[in-house]
Amino acid sequence: MGTEQLPVSGDNFILTGDAASLVDPFSGEGIGNALYSGMLAAAAIENCIKDNRYDAAFLKEAYDDVLYKRIGDELRISTTMQKLCRFPWLFNFVVNKAHKSKSLSNTISCMFTDMDLRDQLRKPSFYFKILFNR
């Protein structure tokens, strides 16, 4: 998944978990997103039954929009991190610096669970700080 939001529902259907491509592209984890999407799908289906509407527009609002509001940023950040790994010299530079700096090592470790911190990897200033030990 890139920065675009892929549709995960349409006329008379809802996709969840792996079928909706909700596996984190950086960590490879997917069970949390699968469970969360299943919970949101159940709520959306309840709304479909209540309103007797199963069309794509209704499902987009009841499911897609709600899902991406919750996990869209996380997936975008992870996609960016995955793309950064295409530059081995940058990856090696950061890892070598982290090996020498306990503080940087802890920061990177926390990035796996803290989305705000992980977002720093998308900013050139993060690498500038590493380069000049700030």
C-alpha atoms as a PDB file:
ATOM      1  CA  MET A   1       0.000   0.000   0.000  1.00  0.00           C
ATOM      2  CA  GLY A   2       1.349   3.420  -0.926  1.00  0.00           C
ATOM      3  CA  THR A   3       0.128   6.742   0.345  1.00  0.00           C
ATOM      4  CA  GLU A   4      -3.223   6.237  -1.387  1.00  0.00           C
ATOM      5  CA  GLN A   5      -6.051   4.582   0.466  1.00  0.00           C
ATOM      6  CA  LEU A   6      -7.089   1.440  -1.317  1.00  0.00           C
ATOM      7  CA  PRO A   7     -10.810   0.665  -1.152  1.00  0.00           C
ATOM      8  CA  VAL A   8     -11.596  -2.112   1.300  1.00  0.00           C
ATOM      9  CA  SER A   9     -15.309  -2.316   0.593  1.00  0.00           C
ATOM     10  CA  GLY A  10     -17.715  -1.990  -2.289  1.00  0.00           C
ATOM     11  CA  ASP A  11     -21.220  -2.939  -3.306  1.00  0.00           C
ATOM     12  CA  ASN A  12     -22.232  -5.765  -0.954  1.00  0.00           C
ATOM     13  CA  PHE A  13     -18.753  -6.584   0.390  1.00  0.00           C
ATOM     14  CA  ILE A  14     -16.207  -5.645   3.070  1.00  0.00           C
ATOM     15  CA  LEU A  15     -12.580  -6.820   3.202  1.00  0.00           C
ATOM     16  CA  THR A  16     -10.717  -7.251   6.485  1.00  0.00           C
ATOM     17  CA  GLY A  17      -7.207  -8.188   7.575  1.00  0.00           C
ATOM     18  CA  ASP A  18      -4.891  -9.615   4.952  1.00  0.00           C
ATOM     19  CA  ALA A  19      -7.646  -9.573   2.309  1.00  0.00           C
ATOM     20  CA  ALA A  20      -7.716  -5.778   2.762  1.00  0.00           C
ATOM     21  CA  SER A  21      -3.879  -5.573   2.613  1.00  0.00           C
ATOM     22  CA  LEU A  22      -3.677  -4.368   6.204  1.00  0.00           C
ATOM     23  CA  VAL A  23      -0.388  -6.085   7.046  1.00  0.00           C
ATOM     24  CA  ASP A  24       2.124  -3.517   8.277  1.00  0.00           C
ATOM     25  CA  PRO A  25       4.567  -3.143   5.356  1.00  0.00           C
ATOM     26  CA  PHE A  26       7.563  -2.518   7.619  1.00  0.00           C
ATOM     27  CA  SER A  27       7.132  -4.907  10.534  1.00  0.00           C
ATOM     28  CA  GLY A  28       5.089  -7.563   8.744  1.00  0.00           C
ATOM     29  CA  GLU A  29       2.642  -7.653  11.649  1.00  0.00           C
ATOM     30  CA  GLY A  30      -1.009  -7.926  10.800  1.00  0.00           C
ATOM     31  CA  ILE A  31      -3.043  -9.606  13.519  1.00  0.00           C
ATOM     32  CA  GLY A  32      -3.829  -6.343  15.336  1.00  0.00           C
ATOM     33  CA  ASN A  33      -5.026  -4.656  12.163  1.00  0.00           C
ATOM     34  CA  ALA A  34      -6.967  -7.794  11.203  1.00  0.00           C
ATOM     35  CA  LEU A  35      -8.792  -7.892  14.530  1.00  0.00           C
ATOM     36  CA  TYR A  36      -9.439  -4.168  14.497  1.00  0.00           C
ATOM     37  CA  SER A  37     -10.747  -4.243  10.917  1.00  0.00           C
ATOM     38  CA  GLY A  38     -13.015  -7.169  11.837  1.00  0.00           C
ATOM     39  CA  MET A  39     -14.458  -5.205  14.742  1.00  0.00           C
ATOM     40  CA  LEU A  40     -15.079  -2.187  12.501  1.00  0.00           C
ATOM     41  CA  ALA A  41     -16.542  -4.412   9.782  1.00  0.00           C
ATOM     42  CA  ALA A  42     -19.033  -5.856  12.276  1.00  0.00           C
ATOM     43  CA  ALA A  43     -20.123  -2.350  13.300  1.00  0.00           C
ATOM     44  CA  ALA A  44     -20.435  -1.310   9.641  1.00  0.00           C
ATOM     45  CA  ILE A  45     -22.516  -4.399   8.861  1.00  0.00           C
ATOM     46  CA  GLU A  46     -24.819  -3.560  11.774  1.00  0.00           C
ATOM     47  CA  ASN A  47     -25.306  -0.108  10.220  1.00  0.00           C
ATOM     48  CA  CYS A  48     -25.971  -1.692   6.816  1.00  0.00           C
ATOM     49  CA  ILE A  49     -28.672  -3.923   8.262  1.00  0.00           C
ATOM     50  CA  LYS A  50     -30.190  -1.075  10.270  1.00  0.00           C
ATOM     51  CA  ASP A  51     -30.349   1.250   7.229  1.00  0.00           C
ATOM     52  CA  ASN A  52     -30.894  -1.554   4.684  1.00  0.00           C
ATOM     53  CA  ARG A  53     -28.028  -0.166   2.593  1.00  0.00           C
ATOM     54  CA  TYR A  54     -25.212  -2.235   1.185  1.00  0.00           C
ATOM     55  CA  ASP A  55     -23.923   0.066  -1.554  1.00  0.00           C
ATOM     56  CA  ALA A  56     -20.292   1.109  -2.020  1.00  0.00           C
ATOM     57  CA  ALA A  57     -20.861   4.730  -0.994  1.00  0.00           C
ATOM     58  CA  PHE A  58     -22.505   3.741   2.290  1.00  0.00           C
ATOM     59  CA  LEU A  59     -19.852   1.127   3.086  1.00  0.00           C
ATOM     60  CA  LYS A  60     -17.038   3.555   2.284  1.00  0.00           C
ATOM     61  CA  GLU A  61     -18.382   5.981   4.851  1.00  0.00           C
ATOM     62  CA  ALA A  62     -19.302   3.326   7.425  1.00  0.00           C
ATOM     63  CA  TYR A  63     -16.129   1.252   7.102  1.00  0.00           C
ATOM     64  CA  ASP A  64     -13.295   2.498   4.858  1.00  0.00           C
ATOM     65  CA  ASP A  65     -13.260   6.036   6.222  1.00  0.00           C
ATOM     66  CA  VAL A  66     -13.428   4.865   9.835  1.00  0.00           C
ATOM     67  CA  LEU A  67     -10.713   2.248   9.318  1.00  0.00           C
ATOM     68  CA  TYR A  68      -8.286   4.577   7.563  1.00  0.00           C
ATOM     69  CA  LYS A  69      -8.879   7.325  10.098  1.00  0.00           C
ATOM     70  CA  ARG A  70      -7.587   4.885  12.733  1.00  0.00           C
ATOM     71  CA  ILE A  71      -4.739   3.055  10.970  1.00  0.00           C
ATOM     72  CA  GLY A  72      -4.047   5.020   7.780  1.00  0.00           C
ATOM     73  CA  ASP A  73      -1.213   7.104   9.252  1.00  0.00           C
ATOM     74  CA  GLU A  74       0.437   4.016  10.710  1.00  0.00           C
ATOM     75  CA  LEU A  75       0.363   2.256   7.325  1.00  0.00           C
ATOM     76  CA  ARG A  76       1.708   5.340   5.513  1.00  0.00           C
ATOM     77  CA  ILE A  77       4.599   5.728   7.960  1.00  0.00           C
ATOM     78  CA  SER A  78       5.452   2.023   7.729  1.00  0.00           C
ATOM     79  CA  THR A  79       5.394   2.226   3.932  1.00  0.00           C
ATOM     80  CA  THR A  80       7.836   5.135   4.088  1.00  0.00           C
ATOM     81  CA  MET A  81      10.099   3.168   6.421  1.00  0.00           C
ATOM     82  CA  GLN A  82      10.004   0.209   4.062  1.00  0.00           C
ATOM     83  CA  LYS A  83      11.018   2.491   1.184  1.00  0.00           C
ATOM     84  CA  LEU A  84      13.919   3.870   3.238  1.00  0.00           C
ATOM     85  CA  CYS A  85      15.306   0.343   3.491  1.00  0.00           C
ATOM     86  CA  ARG A  86      15.871   0.483  -0.264  1.00  0.00           C
ATOM     87  CA  PHE A  87      18.876   2.679   0.534  1.00  0.00           C
ATOM     88  CA  PRO A  88      21.265   0.276   2.267  1.00  0.00           C
ATOM     89  CA  TRP A  89      23.874   2.976   2.866  1.00  0.00           C
ATOM     90  CA  LEU A  90      21.320   5.040   4.826  1.00  0.00           C
ATOM     91  CA  PHE A  91      20.090   2.027   6.757  1.00  0.00           C
ATOM     92  CA  ASN A  92      23.651   0.975   7.612  1.00  0.00           C
ATOM     93  CA  PHE A  93      24.560   4.529   8.637  1.00  0.00           C
ATOM     94  CA  VAL A  94      21.627   4.745  11.066  1.00  0.00           C
ATOM     95  CA  VAL A  95      22.257   1.264  12.487  1.00  0.00           C
ATOM     96  CA  ASN A  96      25.963   1.975  13.002  1.00  0.00           C
ATOM     97  CA  LYS A  97      25.167   5.246  14.773  1.00  0.00           C
ATOM     98  CA  ALA A  98      22.567   3.474  16.927  1.00  0.00           C
ATOM     99  CA  HIS A  99      25.128   0.822  17.830  1.00  0.00           C
ATOM    100  CA  LYS A 100      27.388   3.570  19.211  1.00  0.00           C
ATOM    101  CA  SER A 101      24.667   5.616  20.908  1.00  0.00           C
ATOM    102  CA  LYS A 102      22.452   4.160  23.641  1.00  0.00           C
ATOM    103  CA  SER A 103      20.072   7.111  23.296  1.00  0.00           C
ATOM    104  CA  LEU A 104      19.634   6.653  19.543  1.00  0.00           C
ATOM    105  CA  SER A 105      19.291   2.897  20.004  1.00  0.00           C
ATOM    106  CA  ASN A 106      16.455   3.435  22.505  1.00  0.00           C
ATOM    107  CA  THR A 107      14.791   5.965  20.195  1.00  0.00           C
ATOM    108  CA  ILE A 108      14.797   3.536  17.284  1.00  0.00           C
ATOM    109  CA  SER A 109      13.502   0.711  19.498  1.00  0.00           C
ATOM    110  CA  CYS A 110      10.600   2.891  20.615  1.00  0.00           C
ATOM    111  CA  MET A 111       9.743   3.659  16.993  1.00  0.00           C
ATOM    112  CA  PHE A 112       8.279   0.181  16.605  1.00  0.00           C
ATOM    113  CA  THR A 113       5.449   1.018  18.993  1.00  0.00           C
ATOM    114  CA  ASP A 114       5.209   4.827  18.950  1.00  0.00           C
ATOM    115  CA  MET A 115       3.737   6.143  15.687  1.00  0.00           C
ATOM    116  CA  ASP A 116       4.594   9.780  16.449  1.00  0.00           C
ATOM    117  CA  LEU A 117       8.201   8.818  17.017  1.00  0.00           C
ATOM    118  CA  ARG A 118       8.218   6.583  13.931  1.00  0.00           C
ATOM    119  CA  ASP A 119       7.049   9.547  11.854  1.00  0.00           C
ATOM    120  CA  GLN A 120      10.425  11.175  12.578  1.00  0.00           C
ATOM    121  CA  LEU A 121      12.016   8.718  10.126  1.00  0.00           C
ATOM    122  CA  ARG A 122      10.244  10.555   7.312  1.00  0.00           C
ATOM    123  CA  LYS A 123      11.940  13.842   8.155  1.00  0.00           C
ATOM    124  CA  PRO A 124      15.385  14.816   6.835  1.00  0.00           C
ATOM    125  CA  SER A 125      16.050  16.633  10.113  1.00  0.00           C
ATOM    126  CA  PHE A 126      16.132  13.251  11.917  1.00  0.00           C
ATOM    127  CA  TYR A 127      19.076  12.147   9.772  1.00  0.00           C
ATOM    128  CA  PHE A 128      20.753  15.539  10.088  1.00  0.00           C
ATOM    129  CA  LYS A 129      20.652  15.169  13.881  1.00  0.00           C
ATOM    130  CA  ILE A 130      22.159  11.689  13.626  1.00  0.00           C
ATOM    131  CA  LEU A 131      24.858  12.893  11.257  1.00  0.00           C
ATOM    132  CA  PHE A 132      25.937  15.659  13.626  1.00  0.00           C
ATOM    133  CA  ASN A 133      25.287  13.740  16.891  1.00  0.00           C
ATOM    134  CA  ARG A 134      22.520  16.026  18.121  1.00  0.00           C
END
